[in-house]
Structure formats: structure tokens, C-alpha cells
Protein backbone atom coordinates (compact mmCIF):
# COMPACT_ATOMS: atom_id res chain seq x y z
CA MET A 1 145.82 77.14 176.39
CA THR A 2 144.21 75.50 173.39
CA ARG A 3 141.61 72.78 173.20
CA LEU A 4 143.67 70.68 170.83
CA ARG A 5 145.00 67.48 172.33
CA SER A 6 148.03 67.42 170.03
CA CYS A 7 149.26 70.85 171.21
CA PRO A 8 147.58 71.92 174.45
CA TYR A 9 149.57 75.18 174.78
CA THR A 10 150.67 77.80 172.28
CA MET A 11 152.65 80.96 172.92
CA THR A 12 152.48 84.23 171.03
CA VAL A 13 155.53 86.49 171.01
CA ASP A 14 154.52 90.13 171.57
CA SER A 15 157.11 91.73 169.31
CA TYR A 16 156.61 89.24 166.44
CA SER A 17 153.65 87.68 164.72
CA ASP A 18 154.97 84.25 165.62
CA SER A 19 153.18 81.40 167.38
CA LEU A 20 155.15 78.81 169.30
CA ASP A 21 154.31 75.26 170.37
CA PRO A 22 156.29 74.49 173.57
CA VAL A 23 156.75 70.73 173.70
CA ASN A 24 158.11 70.62 177.28
CA ILE A 25 156.08 73.27 179.17
CA GLU A 26 154.85 70.61 181.62
CA ASP A 27 158.46 70.31 182.87
CA PHE A 28 158.09 73.81 184.35
CA PHE A 29 154.38 74.13 185.29
CA LYS A 30 151.70 71.69 186.33
CA GLU A 31 148.76 71.31 183.97
CA GLY A 32 146.35 74.19 184.41
CA ASN A 33 148.84 76.34 186.36
CA VAL A 34 150.59 77.97 183.40
CA PRO A 35 150.63 81.80 183.77
CA GLU A 36 149.20 83.98 181.01
CA LYS A 37 152.38 86.08 180.53
CA VAL A 38 155.90 84.69 180.78
CA TRP A 39 159.52 85.44 179.90
CA VAL A 40 160.94 82.52 177.99
CA LYS A 41 164.22 81.31 176.49
CA PHE A 42 163.86 78.56 173.94
CA THR A 43 165.46 76.59 171.14
CA SER A 44 163.64 75.92 167.88
CA LEU A 45 163.18 72.26 167.06
CA ARG A 46 163.77 70.85 163.62
CA ARG A 47 160.78 68.57 163.46
CA GLN A 48 157.31 68.46 162.00
CA ASN A 49 154.64 70.61 163.66
CA ARG A 50 152.25 68.82 166.01
CA CYS A 51 149.50 71.21 165.01
CA GLY A 52 149.01 74.10 162.61
CA LYS A 53 149.06 76.74 165.34
CA GLY A 54 152.79 77.17 165.93
CA ARG A 55 156.32 75.98 165.35
CA PRO A 56 157.73 73.51 167.88
CA ILE A 57 160.19 74.78 170.49
CA HIS A 58 162.04 73.39 173.50
CA ILE A 59 161.97 75.72 176.54
CA THR A 60 165.32 76.18 178.29
CA ALA A 61 164.19 78.79 180.87
CA ILE A 62 160.85 80.33 181.78
CA GLU A 63 159.49 82.64 184.48
CA GLU A 64 156.23 84.45 185.09
CA ARG A 65 155.99 88.08 183.98
CA LEU A 66 154.71 90.41 186.67
CA ASP A 67 153.95 93.44 184.46
């Protein structure tokens, strides 16, 4: 979670040095209930970044990691 209003959540991919800005994460989790580690499938969006922290993505599937 970030403190920026324009992009409240960012994701970091473990195997890459890439930051992601999920634009639809609230469709899967209520605000404040987003787990720290998740498995995610996403599509990159061809649009301007909302913030400088990550590239915008649209989540197609997500589940909590238990490891």
C-alpha cells in the first residue's frame, strides 16, 4: 500500500525489478484487506501512468500466496 491517492497500491514482482500499478485491485479485495503476497495474472495497459511508482496493469486473476 502506498500513501499516494492517485495510486494507492503498487506491486513488486519478485523475479523482476518491475513495479506495477493495479488499476482494478478493489474488484478483488476490499480496501485495507489486500494481502501482502499474491499470485497474479494481469494485462499491461497502454495508458499514461497514474503515478511514477509503476506501470498500469489490469488484473485478470489474483489469489493470496500462502508461502
